[in-house]
Amino acid sequence: MLGLMQHYPLMISSLIVHAARHHGHAEVISNMGGAALHRTTYAGTERRSRRLARVLAGLGVGFGDRVATLAWNDFRHLELYYGVSGIGAVCHTVNPRLSAEDIGFIMADAGDCVIFADPGFATLLTAVAPAVRGSVRDIVLLTDEAGMVDVALAPGMRLHCYETLMAAADEDYDWPAFDENTASALCYTSGTTGRPKGVLYSHRSTMLHTYAANTPDVFGLRAVDRVLPGASMYHACAWGLPYCATMVGATLVLPGRHLDGASLHRMLEAERITLTAGVPTIWLGLLAHLQSSGAQLTQLKRMLVAGSALPRVLIEAFTPMGINVEQGWGMTETSPIVTYNAPTPASAALGGEAAIRQRLKQGRAACGTDMKIVDADGNELPWDGKAFGDFLVRGHWVCREYLNRGADGAADAEGWLRTGDVCTIDADGCAEIVDRSKDVIKSGGEWISSITLENLAVSHPAVAEAAIIGARHPKWQERPLLLVVPRAGMRIEPADVLAVFEGKVAKWWLPDAVVVVDELPHTATGKLNKLALRARWQDYLVQQAGPSA
């Protein structure tokens, strides 16, 4: 027997329609790099998204077509989020920090037919054009006529101005309803272990993720919040925050490409931001600016950290300012939120060092997802906070398989997807990532967590950034090698850095050497590029030992 309730398919367009109708005056604010911020509302965004739907039709974009974006976090990119998926096409957000070769591969693999790009990517577009000429027929620069630049395109491609196309279109468009399992957005992995892989989200998965992410034990956004996503809109859809903010009518403040410490501080203060989110690198930069300038944060209440492990120094520095530093975990394949570290009665009662240690964990599974850890034979391991194994997840918004790859990398028959992380889960159901499976250091048959060592290293006042890799060792196979970048104007003494580990980890975990470098390589999503570091430094200990080792 079926229920007798009304049924409407879960459509992403319903978010912006609801916001326009019930929170129409709530603001969407963008830092476009000029003297003044661009300001619009959810009502204005919905009207322009309908106008964009007409533009897309005029460009020949139809149901299921892939539309690429090369854009920062701003109001036009938000219009593309809703306009493209709203007509049944797929919004393919491309990471502009990837190499031109990878971008060309991604767009060709996706079969993109149109590219919407910021004018600043003109040179990149020229480099990519030959690789995508088989599918891309139109390129639209996200600007007005005054901002147009020349782009050398492949034969047959047409160049357009976004605002010119928008001015010629009307807003007389009704959002269609269709199967909620229809593809809505496409994000590719960063390709650190091979070619980038496409993750194809659906309207249903995105809407369920939005509902779950807005529960109190995850983002828990409200209409009174003022939200600044420091996570890029091309990185797992800015962790779903644009959708979550729209759902509740929270003021959405989009920082563009301006994520340096000084720019972030100005935006956080001037726009009275209550909640922000981003990778640790951004917040370490903000912290460095505050420390060097003496500036204060007076409005911010919550700082969400994900993408890489939360460094302890962020908790210690921002908590006294009245800012709650919170951690979540996910990946492109999981839309992305799976776990979030919200308190339970047991963890809320902790204090001092125990409370900090608890906050450094990645958190408990959001309702709608599940997780487990398994040994090398696939046997599930206990949730005792000690046993660690491969981390597997499944859920309503977890990838079933990659685009164009069939069974390659697919979840198993029960839906479990291997994350590539090594993890423990405690008796409270709180997961803690020990390491990436490819980054964990195997020394003499024992495992050492690079994440733990890196977080301790950056607690040293002279260390701006740190990386641990497993370097080859003639006796132990691998030993930890610590690479550190000094803060501006400061000097690092290796012995002083090693002292921060004393009493906090087992002695055999201590790095065998500390190397001071000017900078560390990062991936296109801002994470440490361990692949490049291993290629450069993995023989360091053997070379230092010399022929007699």
Protein backbone atom coordinates (compact mmCIF):
# COMPACT_ATOMS: atom_id res chain seq x y z
CA MET A 1 0.00 0.00 0.00
CA LEU A 2 1.41 3.39 -1.02
CA GLY A 3 1.11 6.59 0.95
CA LEU A 4 -1.29 9.31 -0.09
CA MET A 5 1.15 12.24 0.03
CA GLN A 6 1.95 14.68 -2.74
CA HIS A 7 4.95 13.85 -4.87
CA TYR A 8 7.31 16.32 -6.49
CA PRO A 9 10.68 15.22 -7.89
CA LEU A 10 13.67 16.62 -6.02
CA MET A 11 14.84 19.45 -8.29
CA ILE A 12 17.80 21.75 -7.64
CA SER A 13 15.79 24.59 -9.19
CA SER A 14 13.37 24.31 -6.25
CA LEU A 15 16.09 25.76 -3.98
CA ILE A 16 16.41 29.05 -5.84
CA VAL A 17 12.64 29.24 -6.44
CA HIS A 18 12.05 28.85 -2.70
CA ALA A 19 14.73 31.41 -1.83
CA ALA A 20 13.33 33.93 -4.31
CA ARG A 21 9.78 33.50 -2.99
CA HIS A 22 10.47 33.30 0.75
CA HIS A 23 13.85 35.01 1.17
CA GLY A 24 13.81 37.27 -1.87
CA HIS A 25 15.55 40.22 -0.20
CA ALA A 26 18.40 38.18 1.29
CA GLU A 27 21.68 39.20 -0.31
CA VAL A 28 24.19 37.49 -2.57
CA ILE A 29 27.42 39.50 -2.38
CA SER A 30 30.49 39.02 -4.60
CA ASN A 31 34.04 40.32 -4.47
CA MET A 32 34.81 40.97 -8.14
CA GLY A 33 38.12 42.66 -7.40
CA GLY A 34 36.91 46.24 -7.79
CA ALA A 35 36.52 49.03 -5.25
CA ALA A 36 32.91 48.07 -4.50
CA LEU A 37 31.35 44.65 -3.94
CA HIS A 38 28.67 43.40 -6.31
CA ARG A 39 25.32 43.01 -4.53
CA THR A 40 22.20 41.23 -5.64
CA THR A 41 19.48 39.14 -3.96
CA TYR A 42 18.08 35.64 -4.23
CA ALA A 43 15.12 37.07 -6.13
CA GLY A 44 17.51 38.73 -8.56
CA THR A 45 19.58 35.55 -8.87
CA GLU A 46 16.49 33.49 -9.69
CA ARG A 47 15.36 35.96 -12.37
CA ARG A 48 18.79 35.98 -14.00
CA SER A 49 18.99 32.18 -13.78
CA ARG A 50 15.76 32.00 -15.79
CA ARG A 51 17.25 34.46 -18.27
CA LEU A 52 20.32 32.21 -18.45
CA ALA A 53 18.06 29.26 -19.26
CA ARG A 54 16.98 31.16 -22.37
CA VAL A 55 20.60 31.92 -23.24
CA LEU A 56 21.49 28.24 -22.97
CA ALA A 57 18.63 27.28 -25.26
CA GLY A 58 19.85 29.88 -27.75
CA LEU A 59 23.29 28.27 -27.70
CA GLY A 60 21.71 24.91 -28.48
CA VAL A 61 22.25 23.41 -25.03
CA GLY A 62 19.75 20.64 -24.45
CA PHE A 63 18.77 18.04 -21.88
CA GLY A 64 21.83 16.11 -20.65
CA ASP A 65 24.39 18.33 -22.39
CA ARG A 66 27.49 19.16 -20.40
CA VAL A 67 28.29 22.83 -19.84
CA ALA A 68 31.75 23.64 -18.46
CA THR A 69 32.65 26.49 -16.13
CA LEU A 70 36.10 27.98 -15.51
CA ALA A 71 35.16 30.49 -12.85
CA TRP A 72 35.76 31.75 -9.32
CA ASN A 73 33.20 32.11 -6.54
CA ASP A 74 30.88 34.90 -7.68
CA PHE A 75 27.28 35.71 -8.62
CA ARG A 76 27.58 34.66 -12.28
CA HIS A 77 28.93 31.25 -11.28
CA LEU A 78 25.96 30.89 -8.91
CA GLU A 79 23.59 31.68 -11.80
CA LEU A 80 25.24 28.88 -13.77
CA TYR A 81 24.73 26.48 -10.85
CA TYR A 82 20.97 26.97 -11.10
CA GLY A 83 20.48 27.87 -14.76
CA VAL A 84 22.36 24.90 -16.21
CA SER A 85 21.02 22.16 -13.93
CA GLY A 86 17.58 23.77 -13.95
CA ILE A 87 17.04 23.00 -17.64
CA GLY A 88 18.24 19.40 -17.26
CA ALA A 89 21.79 20.03 -18.49
CA VAL A 90 24.92 19.22 -16.47
CA CYS A 91 26.98 21.95 -14.81
CA HIS A 92 30.57 20.81 -15.16
CA THR A 93 32.72 22.89 -12.78
CA VAL A 94 36.35 22.65 -13.94
CA ASN A 95 39.29 23.41 -11.66
CA PRO A 96 41.29 26.16 -13.42
CA ARG A 97 44.36 25.38 -11.32
CA LEU A 98 44.87 22.09 -13.13
CA SER A 99 47.29 21.90 -16.03
CA ALA A 100 46.02 22.77 -19.50
CA GLU A 101 46.64 19.14 -20.47
CA ASP A 102 44.44 17.85 -17.65
CA ILE A 103 41.73 20.42 -18.36
CA GLY A 104 41.71 19.46 -22.03
CA PHE A 105 41.40 15.79 -21.08
CA ILE A 106 38.60 16.51 -18.58
CA MET A 107 36.53 18.58 -21.00
CA ALA A 108 36.98 16.07 -23.81
CA ASP A 109 36.13 13.17 -21.49
CA ALA A 110 32.98 15.00 -20.34
CA GLY A 111 32.01 15.95 -23.89
CA ASP A 112 31.38 19.60 -22.94
CA CYS A 113 29.56 21.60 -25.60
CA VAL A 114 29.90 25.13 -24.15
CA ILE A 115 32.46 26.73 -21.81
CA PHE A 116 31.61 29.67 -19.55
CA ALA A 117 34.87 31.24 -18.37
CA ASP A 118 36.18 34.27 -16.54
CA PRO A 119 38.13 36.59 -18.90
CA GLY A 120 41.28 36.03 -16.84
CA PHE A 121 41.44 32.51 -18.24
CA ALA A 122 41.86 33.66 -21.87
CA THR A 123 45.37 32.22 -22.15
CA LEU A 124 44.21 28.94 -20.61
CA LEU A 125 41.29 28.76 -23.05
CA THR A 126 43.67 29.20 -25.98
CA ALA A 127 45.83 26.35 -24.69
CA VAL A 128 42.84 24.06 -24.11
CA ALA A 129 40.92 24.83 -27.33
CA PRO A 130 42.70 22.32 -29.64
CA ALA A 131 41.96 19.44 -27.25
CA VAL A 132 38.21 20.19 -27.03
CA ARG A 133 37.43 21.27 -30.59
CA GLY A 134 35.60 18.00 -31.16
CA SER A 135 32.80 18.90 -28.75
CA VAL A 136 33.00 22.56 -27.67
CA ARG A 137 31.32 24.93 -30.10
CA ASP A 138 30.82 28.07 -27.96
CA ILE A 139 32.86 29.91 -25.36
CA VAL A 140 31.18 32.58 -23.23
CA LEU A 141 33.26 35.05 -21.24
CA LEU A 142 31.67 35.88 -17.88
CA THR A 143 31.79 39.65 -18.18
CA ASP A 144 30.21 42.67 -19.83
CA GLU A 145 31.38 44.20 -23.12
CA ALA A 146 33.92 46.41 -21.36
CA GLY A 147 35.60 43.32 -19.88
CA MET A 148 35.86 41.34 -23.11
CA VAL A 149 39.31 40.16 -24.24
CA ASP A 150 40.57 38.41 -27.35
CA VAL A 151 40.83 34.63 -27.20
CA ALA A 152 42.57 32.58 -29.89
CA LEU A 153 40.11 29.75 -30.46
CA ALA A 154 40.12 26.64 -32.59
CA PRO A 155 38.35 26.87 -35.98
CA GLY A 156 34.56 26.64 -35.68
CA MET A 157 34.37 27.92 -32.10
CA ARG A 158 32.38 31.08 -31.37
CA LEU A 159 33.16 33.64 -28.66
CA HIS A 160 30.36 35.42 -26.77
CA CYS A 161 29.92 38.01 -24.03
CA TYR A 162 27.82 36.76 -21.11
CA GLU A 163 26.09 40.05 -20.29
CA THR A 164 25.33 40.73 -23.96
CA LEU A 165 23.65 37.34 -24.27
CA MET A 166 21.78 37.91 -21.01
CA ALA A 167 20.52 41.35 -22.08
CA ALA A 168 19.05 39.87 -25.27
CA ALA A 169 17.20 37.07 -23.43
CA ASP A 170 13.93 37.30 -21.50
CA GLU A 171 12.96 35.93 -18.09
CA ASP A 172 9.80 34.20 -19.30
CA TYR A 173 10.84 30.69 -18.37
CA ASP A 174 9.20 28.03 -16.19
CA TRP A 175 11.53 25.56 -14.52
CA PRO A 176 10.69 22.06 -15.78
CA ALA A 177 10.27 18.96 -13.63
CA PHE A 178 11.89 15.70 -14.70
CA ASP A 179 13.31 12.51 -13.20
CA GLU A 180 15.16 13.46 -10.00
CA ASN A 181 17.89 10.96 -10.85
CA THR A 182 18.86 13.13 -13.83
CA ALA A 183 22.51 14.23 -13.77
CA SER A 184 22.91 17.77 -12.41
CA ALA A 185 26.61 18.50 -11.93
CA LEU A 186 29.95 16.99 -12.80
CA CYS A 187 33.18 17.29 -10.81
CA TYR A 188 36.49 15.60 -11.53
CA THR A 189 38.98 14.36 -8.98
CA SER A 190 42.30 16.20 -8.86
CA GLY A 191 44.17 13.32 -10.49
CA THR A 192 46.96 12.91 -7.93
CA THR A 193 47.22 9.16 -8.63
CA GLY A 194 46.45 9.16 -12.36
CA ARG A 195 44.07 10.82 -14.78
CA PRO A 196 41.23 12.83 -13.18
CA LYS A 197 37.99 10.86 -12.84
CA GLY A 198 34.49 12.25 -13.34
CA VAL A 199 31.91 12.14 -10.53
CA LEU A 200 28.40 12.73 -11.85
CA TYR A 201 25.96 14.07 -9.26
CA SER A 202 22.17 13.91 -9.63
CA HIS A 203 19.37 16.26 -8.58
CA ARG A 204 18.29 13.67 -6.02
CA SER A 205 21.76 13.16 -4.53
CA THR A 206 22.40 16.90 -4.35
CA MET A 207 19.07 17.67 -2.71
CA LEU A 208 19.47 14.89 -0.13
CA HIS A 209 23.01 16.10 0.60
CA THR A 210 21.69 19.65 1.04
CA TYR A 211 19.00 18.56 3.49
CA ALA A 212 21.47 16.46 5.48
CA ALA A 213 24.20 19.13 5.48
CA ASN A 214 21.75 21.67 6.87
CA THR A 215 20.95 19.58 9.94
CA PRO A 216 22.21 21.02 13.27
CA ASP A 217 24.99 18.45 13.63
CA VAL A 218 26.51 19.43 10.28
CA PHE A 219 26.40 22.97 8.78
CA GLY A 220 23.07 23.84 10.40
CA LEU A 221 22.68 27.10 8.46
CA ARG A 222 19.89 29.58 9.30
CA ALA A 223 18.42 32.62 7.59
CA VAL A 224 20.29 34.90 10.01
CA ASP A 225 23.68 33.45 9.03
CA ARG A 226 26.09 35.27 6.75
CA VAL A 227 28.11 32.59 4.94
CA LEU A 228 31.42 32.92 3.10
CA PRO A 229 32.46 29.74 1.25
CA GLY A 230 36.26 29.75 1.09
CA ALA A 231 35.97 26.37 -0.61
CA SER A 232 35.97 26.89 -4.37
CA MET A 233 32.77 26.45 -6.37
CA TYR A 234 34.75 24.16 -8.68
CA HIS A 235 35.78 21.95 -5.74
CA ALA A 236 32.93 19.51 -4.97
CA CYS A 237 30.42 22.35 -5.49
CA ALA A 238 31.98 24.44 -2.69
CA TRP A 239 31.11 21.57 -0.33
CA GLY A 240 27.41 22.18 -1.05
CA LEU A 241 27.39 25.53 0.79
CA PRO A 242 25.83 27.55 -2.07
CA TYR A 243 22.90 25.11 -2.07
CA CYS A 244 22.64 25.07 1.74
CA ALA A 245 22.68 28.87 2.01
CA THR A 246 20.05 29.19 -0.70
CA MET A 247 17.80 26.62 0.99
CA VAL A 248 17.49 28.70 4.18
CA GLY A 249 17.95 32.17 2.72
CA ALA A 250 21.26 32.86 4.47
CA THR A 251 23.26 35.79 3.14
CA LEU A 252 25.83 34.34 0.72
CA VAL A 253 29.15 36.18 0.41
CA LEU A 254 31.32 34.97 -2.48
CA PRO A 255 35.02 35.96 -2.26
CA GLY A 256 35.99 35.52 -5.92
CA ARG A 257 39.65 34.60 -6.22
CA HIS A 258 40.61 36.76 -3.25
CA LEU A 259 41.53 34.24 -0.56
CA ASP A 260 44.71 35.80 0.81
CA GLY A 261 44.72 36.59 4.52
CA ALA A 262 44.25 40.36 4.17
CA SER A 263 41.37 40.07 1.68
CA LEU A 264 39.62 37.42 3.74
CA HIS A 265 39.92 39.50 6.90
CA ARG A 266 38.38 42.53 5.18
CA MET A 267 35.45 40.46 3.88
CA LEU A 268 34.89 38.61 7.15
CA GLU A 269 34.74 41.84 9.11
CA ALA A 270 33.02 44.21 6.65
CA GLU A 271 30.28 41.72 5.78
CA ARG A 272 29.85 40.46 9.37
CA ILE A 273 30.39 36.81 8.37
CA THR A 274 29.15 34.32 10.97
CA LEU A 275 30.27 31.12 9.23
CA THR A 276 33.04 30.36 6.78
CA ALA A 277 34.58 27.19 5.36
CA GLY A 278 37.76 26.20 3.59
CA VAL A 279 40.92 24.11 3.52
CA PRO A 280 43.56 24.56 6.26
CA THR A 281 45.95 26.44 3.96
CA ILE A 282 43.49 29.35 3.73
CA TRP A 283 43.05 29.62 7.49
CA LEU A 284 46.77 29.34 8.16
CA GLY A 285 47.20 32.30 5.79
CA LEU A 286 44.48 34.23 7.61
CA LEU A 287 46.11 33.45 10.95
CA ALA A 288 49.50 34.66 9.68
CA HIS A 289 47.88 37.94 8.59
CA LEU A 290 46.23 38.44 11.97
CA GLN A 291 49.48 37.76 13.79
CA SER A 292 51.56 40.08 11.60
CA SER A 293 49.04 42.93 11.45
CA GLY A 294 47.52 42.75 14.91
CA ALA A 295 44.04 42.68 13.32
CA GLN A 296 41.11 41.02 15.07
CA LEU A 297 38.07 38.95 14.07
CA THR A 298 35.01 40.31 15.84
CA GLN A 299 32.05 38.80 13.97
CA LEU A 300 32.96 35.24 12.97
CA LYS A 301 31.38 32.46 15.05
CA ARG A 302 32.21 29.24 13.16
CA MET A 303 35.12 28.14 10.96
CA LEU A 304 34.59 24.88 9.07
CA VAL A 305 37.77 23.02 8.06
CA ALA A 306 37.99 20.12 5.60
CA GLY A 307 39.94 19.06 2.52
CA SER A 308 42.95 18.20 4.69
CA ALA A 309 43.33 17.33 8.37
CA LEU A 310 42.59 20.14 10.81
CA PRO A 311 45.88 21.45 12.28
CA ARG A 312 45.81 21.76 16.05
CA VAL A 313 47.21 25.30 15.82
CA LEU A 314 43.94 26.52 14.28
CA ILE A 315 41.96 25.34 17.31
CA GLU A 316 44.45 26.88 19.70
CA ALA A 317 44.60 30.21 17.86
CA PHE A 318 40.97 30.83 16.91
CA THR A 319 39.11 29.39 19.91
CA PRO A 320 40.25 32.23 22.24
CA MET A 321 38.75 34.65 19.67
CA GLY A 322 35.33 33.11 20.27
CA ILE A 323 35.40 31.12 17.02
CA ASN A 324 34.35 27.47 17.03
CA VAL A 325 36.71 25.56 14.73
CA GLU A 326 34.87 22.53 13.31
CA GLN A 327 36.02 19.67 11.12
CA GLY A 328 34.26 17.54 8.53
CA TRP A 329 35.37 14.93 6.02
CA GLY A 330 34.41 14.05 2.50
CA MET A 331 35.73 13.82 -1.03
CA THR A 332 34.61 14.65 -4.55
CA GLU A 333 33.07 11.18 -4.74
CA THR A 334 30.82 11.91 -1.73
CA SER A 335 29.29 15.27 -2.74
CA PRO A 336 31.29 15.78 -0.36
CA ILE A 337 30.13 15.60 3.28
CA VAL A 338 30.09 12.19 4.96
CA THR A 339 31.32 12.90 8.50
CA TYR A 340 31.18 15.96 10.74
CA ASN A 341 32.63 16.42 14.20
CA ALA A 342 29.66 17.64 16.20
CA PRO A 343 29.56 16.93 19.95
CA THR A 344 27.84 14.01 21.61
CA PRO A 345 27.00 13.94 25.34
CA ALA A 346 30.23 12.02 25.94
CA SER A 347 32.53 14.30 23.92
CA ALA A 348 30.86 17.49 25.17
CA ALA A 349 31.89 16.55 28.70
CA LEU A 350 35.58 16.43 27.80
CA GLY A 351 37.96 19.20 28.74
CA GLY A 352 41.57 20.26 28.23
CA GLU A 353 43.80 18.07 26.10
CA ALA A 354 41.14 15.35 25.73
CA ALA A 355 38.73 17.86 24.20
CA ILE A 356 41.31 19.07 21.69
CA ARG A 357 42.20 15.52 20.71
CA GLN A 358 38.53 14.77 20.14
CA ARG A 359 38.09 17.86 17.95
CA LEU A 360 40.97 16.76 15.74
CA LYS A 361 38.93 13.75 14.61
CA GLN A 362 36.92 13.86 11.37
CA GLY A 363 33.59 13.13 13.03
CA ARG A 364 30.49 10.93 12.89
CA ALA A 365 28.56 9.89 9.79
CA ALA A 366 25.75 12.17 8.66
CA CYS A 367 22.36 10.47 8.42
CA GLY A 368 22.05 9.13 4.89
CA THR A 369 25.60 7.76 4.86
CA ASP A 370 27.40 4.85 6.51
CA MET A 371 31.05 3.94 7.05
CA LYS A 372 33.28 1.09 8.15
CA ILE A 373 36.94 0.11 8.40
CA VAL A 374 38.30 -3.16 7.07
CA ASP A 375 41.57 -5.09 7.15
CA ALA A 376 43.54 -6.24 4.12
CA ASP A 377 41.20 -9.23 3.71
CA GLY A 378 38.05 -7.10 3.81
CA ASN A 379 37.04 -8.08 7.33
CA GLU A 380 35.32 -5.31 9.29
CA LEU A 381 37.37 -4.00 12.22
CA PRO A 382 36.06 -2.97 15.66
CA TRP A 383 35.11 0.58 16.61
CA ASP A 384 37.50 0.87 19.53
CA GLY A 385 39.57 3.90 18.48
CA LYS A 386 42.65 1.70 18.17
CA ALA A 387 42.19 -0.67 15.23
CA PHE A 388 42.78 1.06 11.94
CA GLY A 389 42.15 -0.06 8.42
CA ASP A 390 40.89 0.97 5.01
CA PHE A 391 38.01 3.46 5.23
CA LEU A 392 34.89 2.58 3.20
CA VAL A 393 31.72 4.67 2.84
CA ARG A 394 28.32 4.46 1.17
CA GLY A 395 25.18 6.57 1.06
CA HIS A 396 22.57 8.46 -0.92
CA TRP A 397 25.13 10.95 -2.27
CA VAL A 398 28.14 8.64 -2.66
CA CYS A 399 29.49 7.83 -6.13
CA ARG A 400 28.44 4.47 -7.57
CA GLU A 401 30.96 4.55 -10.42
CA TYR A 402 33.05 7.08 -12.35
CA LEU A 403 31.96 8.64 -15.62
CA ASN A 404 33.00 6.62 -18.70
CA ARG A 405 34.87 4.04 -16.58
CA GLY A 406 32.31 1.31 -16.00
CA ALA A 407 33.41 -1.02 -13.19
CA ASP A 408 36.85 0.63 -12.88
CA GLY A 409 36.86 2.24 -9.44
CA ALA A 410 33.20 1.46 -8.83
CA ALA A 411 31.67 0.76 -5.44
CA ASP A 412 31.22 -2.91 -4.57
CA ALA A 413 27.97 -4.83 -4.81
CA GLU A 414 26.84 -3.53 -1.41
CA GLY A 415 27.65 0.06 -2.32
CA TRP A 416 30.87 0.40 -0.32
CA LEU A 417 33.34 2.81 -1.92
CA ARG A 418 37.03 2.66 -1.00
CA THR A 419 38.15 6.15 -0.02
CA GLY A 420 41.90 5.57 -0.08
CA ASP A 421 42.13 6.67 3.57
CA VAL A 422 43.33 4.70 6.57
CA CYS A 423 41.10 5.31 9.57
CA THR A 424 40.08 4.44 13.13
CA ILE A 425 36.55 4.71 14.51
CA ASP A 426 36.00 5.10 18.26
CA ALA A 427 33.19 3.70 20.41
CA ASP A 428 31.26 6.97 19.94
CA GLY A 429 31.23 6.39 16.17
CA CYS A 430 33.77 9.16 15.52
CA ALA A 431 36.17 8.54 12.64
CA GLU A 432 39.78 9.70 12.65
CA ILE A 433 41.80 9.63 9.45
CA VAL A 434 45.23 8.22 10.24
CA ASP A 435 46.58 8.83 6.76
CA ARG A 436 46.04 8.35 3.07
CA SER A 437 46.79 4.72 2.24
CA LYS A 438 49.49 5.88 -0.17
CA ASP A 439 51.00 8.34 2.37
CA VAL A 440 51.12 6.26 5.56
CA ILE A 441 54.73 5.44 6.48
CA LYS A 442 55.55 1.75 6.93
CA SER A 443 58.64 1.61 9.12
CA GLY A 444 59.95 -1.85 10.00
CA GLY A 445 56.46 -3.32 9.64
CA GLU A 446 54.81 -0.64 11.82
CA TRP A 447 52.68 2.26 10.56
CA ILE A 448 53.37 5.93 11.28
CA SER A 449 50.77 8.62 10.59
CA SER A 450 52.11 11.52 8.51
CA ILE A 451 49.03 13.58 9.42
CA THR A 452 49.75 13.42 13.15
CA LEU A 453 53.37 14.45 12.66
CA GLU A 454 52.48 17.31 10.29
CA ASN A 455 49.94 18.75 12.70
CA LEU A 456 52.49 18.72 15.51
CA ALA A 457 55.17 20.30 13.31
CA VAL A 458 53.02 23.33 12.39
CA SER A 459 52.47 24.02 16.09
CA HIS A 460 56.07 25.32 16.18
CA PRO A 461 55.86 29.14 16.01
CA ALA A 462 58.45 29.43 13.22
CA VAL A 463 56.84 26.80 10.94
CA ALA A 464 54.42 28.08 8.30
CA GLU A 465 53.81 24.72 6.64
CA ALA A 466 55.03 21.16 7.05
CA ALA A 467 55.00 17.90 5.13
CA ILE A 468 55.98 14.38 6.15
CA ILE A 469 56.91 11.75 3.59
CA GLY A 470 58.20 8.22 3.90
CA ALA A 471 61.82 8.33 2.77
CA ARG A 472 63.68 5.15 1.85
CA HIS A 473 65.82 3.70 4.63
CA PRO A 474 68.44 0.92 4.33
CA LYS A 475 67.30 -0.83 7.51
CA TRP A 476 63.66 0.13 8.20
CA GLN A 477 62.50 0.39 4.56
CA GLU A 478 60.86 3.75 5.27
CA ARG A 479 61.37 6.48 7.85
CA PRO A 480 59.61 9.83 8.26
CA LEU A 481 61.30 12.84 6.67
CA LEU A 482 60.00 16.26 7.71
CA LEU A 483 60.04 19.19 5.28
CA VAL A 484 59.21 22.60 6.74
CA VAL A 485 58.66 26.12 5.37
CA PRO A 486 59.62 28.96 7.74
CA ARG A 487 57.32 31.88 8.49
CA ALA A 488 58.33 35.18 6.88
CA GLY A 489 61.37 36.65 8.61
CA MET A 490 61.86 33.64 10.90
CA ARG A 491 64.57 31.01 11.14
CA ILE A 492 63.99 27.31 11.81
CA GLU A 493 66.36 25.19 13.86
CA PRO A 494 65.73 21.48 13.16
CA ALA A 495 66.41 20.48 16.77
CA ASP A 496 63.78 22.94 18.01
CA VAL A 497 61.21 21.50 15.64
CA LEU A 498 61.95 17.94 16.75
CA ALA A 499 61.44 19.06 20.35
CA VAL A 500 57.71 19.68 19.72
CA PHE A 501 57.20 15.92 19.24
CA GLU A 502 58.63 14.95 22.62
CA GLY A 503 56.08 13.29 24.86
CA LYS A 504 53.39 13.50 22.18
CA VAL A 505 54.32 10.52 19.99
CA ALA A 506 56.35 7.38 20.42
CA LYS A 507 60.09 7.95 20.02
CA TRP A 508 60.25 5.67 17.01
CA TRP A 509 57.77 7.99 15.26
CA LEU A 510 60.22 10.92 15.39
CA PRO A 511 61.35 12.14 11.94
CA ASP A 512 64.86 11.02 11.03
CA ALA A 513 65.64 14.45 9.57
CA VAL A 514 64.23 17.96 9.21
CA VAL A 515 64.78 19.78 5.92
CA VAL A 516 64.02 23.51 5.62
CA VAL A 517 62.66 24.51 2.20
CA ASP A 518 61.38 27.76 0.70
CA GLU A 519 58.03 26.29 -0.35
CA LEU A 520 56.08 23.06 -0.69
CA PRO A 521 54.25 21.94 -3.84
CA HIS A 522 50.45 21.78 -3.77
CA THR A 523 47.82 20.09 -5.89
CA ALA A 524 45.20 22.04 -7.80
CA THR A 525 42.85 21.76 -4.81
CA GLY A 526 45.38 23.22 -2.37
CA LYS A 527 46.51 19.97 -0.77
CA LEU A 528 50.15 19.05 -0.29
CA ASN A 529 51.44 17.29 -3.39
CA LYS A 530 52.97 14.23 -1.74
CA LEU A 531 53.62 12.62 -5.14
CA ALA A 532 55.94 15.46 -6.12
CA LEU A 533 57.59 15.48 -2.69
CA ARG A 534 58.32 11.78 -2.80
CA ALA A 535 59.79 12.09 -6.29
CA ARG A 536 62.14 14.83 -5.06
CA TRP A 537 63.01 13.69 -1.51
CA GLN A 538 62.40 9.94 -1.10
CA ASP A 539 66.13 9.10 -1.40
CA TYR A 540 67.29 11.84 0.97
CA LEU A 541 68.04 9.60 3.96
CA VAL A 542 69.89 7.05 1.85
CA GLN A 543 71.97 9.79 0.23
CA GLN A 544 72.78 11.35 3.61
CA ALA A 545 73.83 7.98 4.99
CA GLY A 546 76.33 7.51 2.18
CA PRO A 547 77.86 4.35 0.70
CA SER A 548 78.58 2.72 4.05
CA ALA A 549 74.93 2.72 5.16
